[in-house]
Amino acid sequence: MSYLLLIVEPRGQREARSEAEGRALYADMTRFGESLAARGLLLASESLRPDSHGVRVQQRNGQPVLRDGPFAEAREMVGGFFLVDCASKEEAVALARECPAAQWATVEVREAAPCHQP
C-alpha cells in the first residue's frame, strides 16, 4: 500500500533558520530518503518551496480564481513529502517516527486510496 508522509511545517520556520541550519536539516532529510530507497520503500519524495511561491487555483462558475501565496490564513505549510510503499499503516507510522522532520515539524501519514472511499 502507498502512504504519503506529508511534512507540515510551522509558517516562518525556514526564514528563522540560518543557511547553515537549513542545509544541515536538508542533508538529514536527504539521508532519510536514501535510507528509505535502500530499503525498497521509497516511491517518490520532494522538498517544496514555501507557499509564498505558490498559487491556489479554483474554477468557479466557469471562471478561474487564482490566488498567489503566501496564504495568510494558514499557520502551517506543506514543506515536502515522501511517498512510501508499506505493508501497513503501522509500518508507515514507524517510518514517520524515523523521519528527522518529526523533530521540528509534523509528519502526517495518509494512505493513498481512490477519492470515492470515505
N, C-alpha and C. Protein backbone atom coordinates (compact mmCIF):
# COMPACT_ATOMS: atom_id res chain seq x y z
N MET A 1 0.84 -1.18 0.00
CA MET A 1 0.00 0.00 0.00
C MET A 1 0.88 1.24 0.00
N SER A 2 0.40 2.26 -0.64
CA SER A 2 1.13 3.53 -0.69
C SER A 2 0.65 4.45 0.43
N TYR A 3 1.60 5.08 1.08
CA TYR A 3 1.31 6.06 2.12
C TYR A 3 2.12 7.32 1.84
N LEU A 4 1.51 8.45 2.12
CA LEU A 4 2.17 9.73 1.98
C LEU A 4 2.60 10.20 3.36
N LEU A 5 3.89 10.48 3.51
CA LEU A 5 4.39 11.12 4.72
C LEU A 5 4.51 12.60 4.37
N LEU A 6 3.57 13.36 4.84
CA LEU A 6 3.45 14.77 4.50
C LEU A 6 4.13 15.60 5.57
N ILE A 7 5.10 16.42 5.19
CA ILE A 7 5.83 17.25 6.14
C ILE A 7 5.10 18.59 6.26
N VAL A 8 4.52 18.85 7.42
CA VAL A 8 3.75 20.07 7.67
C VAL A 8 4.55 20.94 8.63
N GLU A 9 5.02 22.07 8.11
CA GLU A 9 5.92 22.94 8.87
C GLU A 9 5.20 24.17 9.40
N PRO A 10 5.61 24.66 10.57
CA PRO A 10 5.09 25.94 11.04
C PRO A 10 5.52 27.05 10.07
N ARG A 11 4.62 27.95 9.79
CA ARG A 11 4.92 29.08 8.89
C ARG A 11 6.06 29.91 9.48
N GLY A 12 6.99 30.32 8.64
CA GLY A 12 8.10 31.18 9.05
C GLY A 12 9.29 30.45 9.61
N GLN A 13 9.16 29.16 9.80
CA GLN A 13 10.25 28.39 10.40
C GLN A 13 11.51 28.41 9.53
N ARG A 14 11.34 28.29 8.23
CA ARG A 14 12.51 28.28 7.33
C ARG A 14 13.25 29.61 7.37
N GLU A 15 12.49 30.69 7.38
CA GLU A 15 13.10 32.02 7.39
C GLU A 15 13.86 32.28 8.68
N ALA A 16 13.47 31.62 9.76
CA ALA A 16 14.11 31.83 11.06
C ALA A 16 15.44 31.08 11.18
N ARG A 17 15.69 30.12 10.30
CA ARG A 17 16.93 29.35 10.34
C ARG A 17 18.05 30.08 9.60
N SER A 18 19.26 29.82 10.02
CA SER A 18 20.41 30.28 9.24
C SER A 18 20.54 29.37 8.02
N GLU A 19 21.30 29.82 7.02
CA GLU A 19 21.51 28.98 5.84
C GLU A 19 22.18 27.67 6.23
N ALA A 20 23.14 27.73 7.15
CA ALA A 20 23.85 26.52 7.59
C ALA A 20 22.88 25.54 8.26
N GLU A 21 21.98 26.07 9.10
CA GLU A 21 20.99 25.20 9.75
C GLU A 21 20.07 24.56 8.71
N GLY A 22 19.63 25.34 7.75
CA GLY A 22 18.77 24.82 6.69
C GLY A 22 19.45 23.74 5.88
N ARG A 23 20.70 23.96 5.53
CA ARG A 23 21.45 22.96 4.76
C ARG A 23 21.64 21.67 5.57
N ALA A 24 21.89 21.80 6.87
CA ALA A 24 22.06 20.62 7.72
C ALA A 24 20.76 19.82 7.80
N LEU A 25 19.63 20.50 7.97
CA LEU A 25 18.35 19.80 8.01
C LEU A 25 18.05 19.13 6.68
N TYR A 26 18.35 19.82 5.58
CA TYR A 26 18.12 19.24 4.25
C TYR A 26 18.98 17.99 4.07
N ALA A 27 20.22 18.03 4.54
CA ALA A 27 21.10 16.86 4.45
C ALA A 27 20.53 15.69 5.26
N ASP A 28 19.99 15.98 6.45
CA ASP A 28 19.36 14.93 7.26
C ASP A 28 18.19 14.30 6.52
N MET A 29 17.37 15.15 5.91
CA MET A 29 16.20 14.65 5.18
C MET A 29 16.63 13.85 3.95
N THR A 30 17.68 14.28 3.28
CA THR A 30 18.20 13.54 2.12
C THR A 30 18.68 12.16 2.54
N ARG A 31 19.40 12.08 3.65
CA ARG A 31 19.86 10.78 4.16
C ARG A 31 18.68 9.88 4.51
N PHE A 32 17.64 10.46 5.09
CA PHE A 32 16.44 9.68 5.41
C PHE A 32 15.84 9.11 4.13
N GLY A 33 15.70 9.94 3.10
CA GLY A 33 15.18 9.47 1.81
C GLY A 33 16.04 8.37 1.21
N GLU A 34 17.36 8.52 1.31
CA GLU A 34 18.27 7.49 0.80
C GLU A 34 18.11 6.19 1.57
N SER A 35 17.87 6.29 2.87
CA SER A 35 17.63 5.10 3.69
C SER A 35 16.35 4.38 3.26
N LEU A 36 15.29 5.17 3.01
CA LEU A 36 14.04 4.57 2.53
C LEU A 36 14.25 3.88 1.19
N ALA A 37 15.00 4.52 0.30
CA ALA A 37 15.27 3.94 -1.02
C ALA A 37 16.07 2.65 -0.89
N ALA A 38 17.07 2.64 -0.02
CA ALA A 38 17.90 1.45 0.17
C ALA A 38 17.09 0.27 0.68
N ARG A 39 16.03 0.56 1.43
CA ARG A 39 15.16 -0.50 1.96
C ARG A 39 14.04 -0.86 0.99
N GLY A 40 14.02 -0.22 -0.17
CA GLY A 40 12.99 -0.52 -1.18
C GLY A 40 11.63 0.03 -0.84
N LEU A 41 11.56 1.07 -0.02
CA LEU A 41 10.29 1.62 0.44
C LEU A 41 9.90 2.92 -0.24
N LEU A 42 10.86 3.63 -0.80
CA LEU A 42 10.60 4.97 -1.35
C LEU A 42 10.06 4.90 -2.77
N LEU A 43 8.91 5.53 -2.98
CA LEU A 43 8.32 5.65 -4.31
C LEU A 43 8.62 7.01 -4.92
N ALA A 44 8.59 8.06 -4.10
CA ALA A 44 8.87 9.42 -4.57
C ALA A 44 9.08 10.31 -3.35
N SER A 45 9.79 11.42 -3.57
CA SER A 45 9.95 12.42 -2.50
C SER A 45 10.34 13.75 -3.12
N GLU A 46 9.97 14.81 -2.45
CA GLU A 46 10.33 16.17 -2.87
C GLU A 46 10.29 17.10 -1.67
N SER A 47 11.16 18.09 -1.72
CA SER A 47 11.08 19.23 -0.82
C SER A 47 10.38 20.33 -1.61
N LEU A 48 9.51 21.07 -0.97
CA LEU A 48 8.74 22.11 -1.66
C LEU A 48 9.16 23.50 -1.20
N ARG A 49 9.11 24.45 -2.11
CA ARG A 49 9.39 25.84 -1.75
C ARG A 49 8.26 26.35 -0.85
N PRO A 50 8.51 27.39 -0.08
CA PRO A 50 7.46 27.96 0.78
C PRO A 50 6.24 28.39 -0.04
N ASP A 51 5.10 28.46 0.62
CA ASP A 51 3.86 28.81 -0.09
C ASP A 51 3.86 30.24 -0.63
N SER A 52 4.82 31.04 -0.23
CA SER A 52 4.94 32.39 -0.82
C SER A 52 5.26 32.30 -2.31
N HIS A 53 5.71 31.15 -2.77
CA HIS A 53 6.00 30.92 -4.18
C HIS A 53 4.87 30.15 -4.87
N GLY A 54 3.78 29.89 -4.15
CA GLY A 54 2.69 29.08 -4.68
C GLY A 54 1.51 29.88 -5.20
N VAL A 55 0.61 29.19 -5.84
CA VAL A 55 -0.64 29.76 -6.35
C VAL A 55 -1.75 28.78 -6.03
N ARG A 56 -2.87 29.28 -5.55
CA ARG A 56 -4.07 28.46 -5.37
C ARG A 56 -4.97 28.67 -6.57
N VAL A 57 -5.46 27.57 -7.11
CA VAL A 57 -6.28 27.60 -8.33
C VAL A 57 -7.64 26.98 -8.04
N GLN A 58 -8.69 27.69 -8.40
CA GLN A 58 -10.06 27.19 -8.30
C GLN A 58 -10.79 27.54 -9.59
N GLN A 59 -11.81 26.79 -9.91
CA GLN A 59 -12.72 27.11 -11.01
C GLN A 59 -14.08 27.37 -10.37
N ARG A 60 -14.64 28.56 -10.57
CA ARG A 60 -15.95 28.92 -10.02
C ARG A 60 -16.79 29.52 -11.14
N ASN A 61 -17.94 28.90 -11.38
CA ASN A 61 -18.84 29.37 -12.45
C ASN A 61 -18.11 29.49 -13.78
N GLY A 62 -17.24 28.52 -14.06
CA GLY A 62 -16.52 28.50 -15.31
C GLY A 62 -15.36 29.48 -15.41
N GLN A 63 -15.07 30.17 -14.33
CA GLN A 63 -14.00 31.17 -14.33
C GLN A 63 -12.88 30.75 -13.38
N PRO A 64 -11.64 30.97 -13.79
CA PRO A 64 -10.54 30.65 -12.88
C PRO A 64 -10.43 31.69 -11.77
N VAL A 65 -10.17 31.21 -10.58
CA VAL A 65 -9.88 32.07 -9.43
C VAL A 65 -8.47 31.70 -8.98
N LEU A 66 -7.55 32.63 -9.15
CA LEU A 66 -6.15 32.40 -8.80
C LEU A 66 -5.77 33.28 -7.63
N ARG A 67 -5.05 32.70 -6.69
CA ARG A 67 -4.60 33.47 -5.54
C ARG A 67 -3.14 33.16 -5.27
N ASP A 68 -2.30 34.17 -5.38
CA ASP A 68 -0.88 33.99 -5.12
C ASP A 68 -0.63 33.89 -3.62
N GLY A 69 0.37 33.08 -3.25
CA GLY A 69 0.78 32.98 -1.86
C GLY A 69 1.61 34.19 -1.47
N PRO A 70 1.90 34.37 -0.21
CA PRO A 70 1.61 33.43 0.86
C PRO A 70 0.14 33.47 1.27
N PHE A 71 -0.29 32.40 1.89
CA PHE A 71 -1.69 32.25 2.26
C PHE A 71 -1.82 32.57 3.75
N ALA A 72 -2.19 33.81 4.03
CA ALA A 72 -2.14 34.37 5.38
C ALA A 72 -2.96 33.59 6.40
N GLU A 73 -4.05 32.97 5.96
CA GLU A 73 -4.91 32.27 6.91
C GLU A 73 -4.29 30.98 7.42
N ALA A 74 -3.26 30.50 6.75
CA ALA A 74 -2.62 29.24 7.14
C ALA A 74 -1.50 29.50 8.15
N ARG A 75 -1.49 28.73 9.22
CA ARG A 75 -0.42 28.83 10.20
C ARG A 75 0.70 27.84 9.89
N GLU A 76 0.39 26.89 8.99
CA GLU A 76 1.36 25.88 8.60
C GLU A 76 1.41 25.78 7.08
N MET A 77 2.44 25.13 6.58
CA MET A 77 2.55 24.92 5.14
C MET A 77 3.13 23.54 4.89
N VAL A 78 2.83 22.99 3.73
CA VAL A 78 3.41 21.71 3.34
C VAL A 78 4.82 21.98 2.84
N GLY A 79 5.79 21.37 3.49
CA GLY A 79 7.18 21.61 3.15
C GLY A 79 7.80 20.54 2.27
N GLY A 80 7.12 19.39 2.18
CA GLY A 80 7.64 18.31 1.36
C GLY A 80 6.90 17.03 1.66
N PHE A 81 7.36 15.95 1.02
CA PHE A 81 6.69 14.67 1.23
C PHE A 81 7.61 13.51 0.86
N PHE A 82 7.27 12.36 1.40
CA PHE A 82 7.83 11.07 1.00
C PHE A 82 6.64 10.18 0.68
N LEU A 83 6.61 9.58 -0.49
CA LEU A 83 5.61 8.59 -0.85
C LEU A 83 6.28 7.24 -0.68
N VAL A 84 5.71 6.41 0.20
CA VAL A 84 6.35 5.15 0.55
C VAL A 84 5.42 3.97 0.31
N ASP A 85 6.02 2.82 0.11
CA ASP A 85 5.29 1.56 -0.07
C ASP A 85 5.45 0.76 1.21
N CYS A 86 4.35 0.61 1.94
CA CYS A 86 4.39 -0.08 3.23
C CYS A 86 3.34 -1.19 3.27
N ALA A 87 3.58 -2.18 4.09
CA ALA A 87 2.64 -3.28 4.25
C ALA A 87 1.44 -2.89 5.10
N SER A 88 1.60 -1.86 5.94
CA SER A 88 0.52 -1.48 6.85
C SER A 88 0.67 -0.03 7.29
N LYS A 89 -0.41 0.49 7.88
CA LYS A 89 -0.38 1.83 8.45
C LYS A 89 0.66 1.90 9.56
N GLU A 90 0.76 0.84 10.33
CA GLU A 90 1.71 0.80 11.44
C GLU A 90 3.15 0.96 10.93
N GLU A 91 3.46 0.31 9.81
CA GLU A 91 4.79 0.45 9.24
C GLU A 91 5.03 1.89 8.78
N ALA A 92 4.02 2.49 8.17
CA ALA A 92 4.15 3.89 7.71
C ALA A 92 4.35 4.83 8.90
N VAL A 93 3.63 4.60 9.98
CA VAL A 93 3.78 5.42 11.19
C VAL A 93 5.19 5.24 11.76
N ALA A 94 5.70 4.02 11.74
CA ALA A 94 7.07 3.78 12.23
C ALA A 94 8.08 4.56 11.39
N LEU A 95 7.87 4.62 10.07
CA LEU A 95 8.76 5.40 9.22
C LEU A 95 8.65 6.89 9.54
N ALA A 96 7.43 7.36 9.78
CA ALA A 96 7.22 8.77 10.13
C ALA A 96 7.97 9.12 11.42
N ARG A 97 8.00 8.19 12.34
CA ARG A 97 8.73 8.42 13.60
C ARG A 97 10.23 8.51 13.36
N GLU A 98 10.74 7.82 12.34
CA GLU A 98 12.16 7.89 11.98
C GLU A 98 12.52 9.19 11.28
N CYS A 99 11.55 9.82 10.67
CA CYS A 99 11.80 10.99 9.83
C CYS A 99 12.36 12.15 10.67
N PRO A 100 13.49 12.72 10.26
CA PRO A 100 14.06 13.84 11.01
C PRO A 100 13.09 15.01 11.19
N ALA A 101 12.20 15.21 10.23
CA ALA A 101 11.26 16.33 10.31
C ALA A 101 10.32 16.22 11.51
N ALA A 102 10.13 15.03 12.04
CA ALA A 102 9.25 14.86 13.20
C ALA A 102 9.79 15.62 14.42
N GLN A 103 11.06 16.00 14.39
CA GLN A 103 11.65 16.75 15.50
C GLN A 103 11.34 18.24 15.44
N TRP A 104 10.99 18.77 14.26
CA TRP A 104 10.77 20.22 14.13
C TRP A 104 9.51 20.58 13.35
N ALA A 105 8.79 19.56 12.89
CA ALA A 105 7.55 19.77 12.15
C ALA A 105 6.60 18.63 12.50
N THR A 106 5.51 18.53 11.78
CA THR A 106 4.58 17.41 11.93
C THR A 106 4.70 16.54 10.69
N VAL A 107 4.75 15.23 10.90
CA VAL A 107 4.74 14.30 9.78
C VAL A 107 3.37 13.62 9.79
N GLU A 108 2.55 13.98 8.82
CA GLU A 108 1.20 13.44 8.71
C GLU A 108 1.23 12.22 7.80
N VAL A 109 0.66 11.11 8.25
CA VAL A 109 0.64 9.86 7.49
C VAL A 109 -0.74 9.70 6.87
N ARG A 110 -0.77 9.56 5.53
CA ARG A 110 -2.04 9.40 4.81
C ARG A 110 -1.93 8.24 3.84
N GLU A 111 -2.90 7.34 3.88
CA GLU A 111 -2.94 6.22 2.94
C GLU A 111 -3.50 6.68 1.60
N ALA A 112 -2.88 6.26 0.52
CA ALA A 112 -3.40 6.55 -0.82
C ALA A 112 -4.60 5.64 -1.08
N ALA A 113 -5.66 6.21 -1.63
CA ALA A 113 -6.88 5.45 -1.92
C ALA A 113 -7.71 6.24 -2.92
N PRO A 114 -8.60 5.56 -3.64
CA PRO A 114 -9.50 6.28 -4.56
C PRO A 114 -10.33 7.32 -3.81
N CYS A 115 -10.61 8.45 -4.47
CA CYS A 115 -11.31 9.55 -3.80
C CYS A 115 -12.76 9.21 -3.44
N HIS A 116 -13.31 8.13 -3.97
CA HIS A 116 -14.68 7.76 -3.61
C HIS A 116 -14.74 6.98 -2.31
N GLN A 117 -13.60 6.59 -1.76
CA GLN A 117 -13.58 5.89 -0.48
C GLN A 117 -13.60 6.90 0.66
N PRO A 118 -14.48 6.68 1.64
CA PRO A 118 -14.53 7.61 2.77
C PRO A 118 -13.33 7.45 3.70
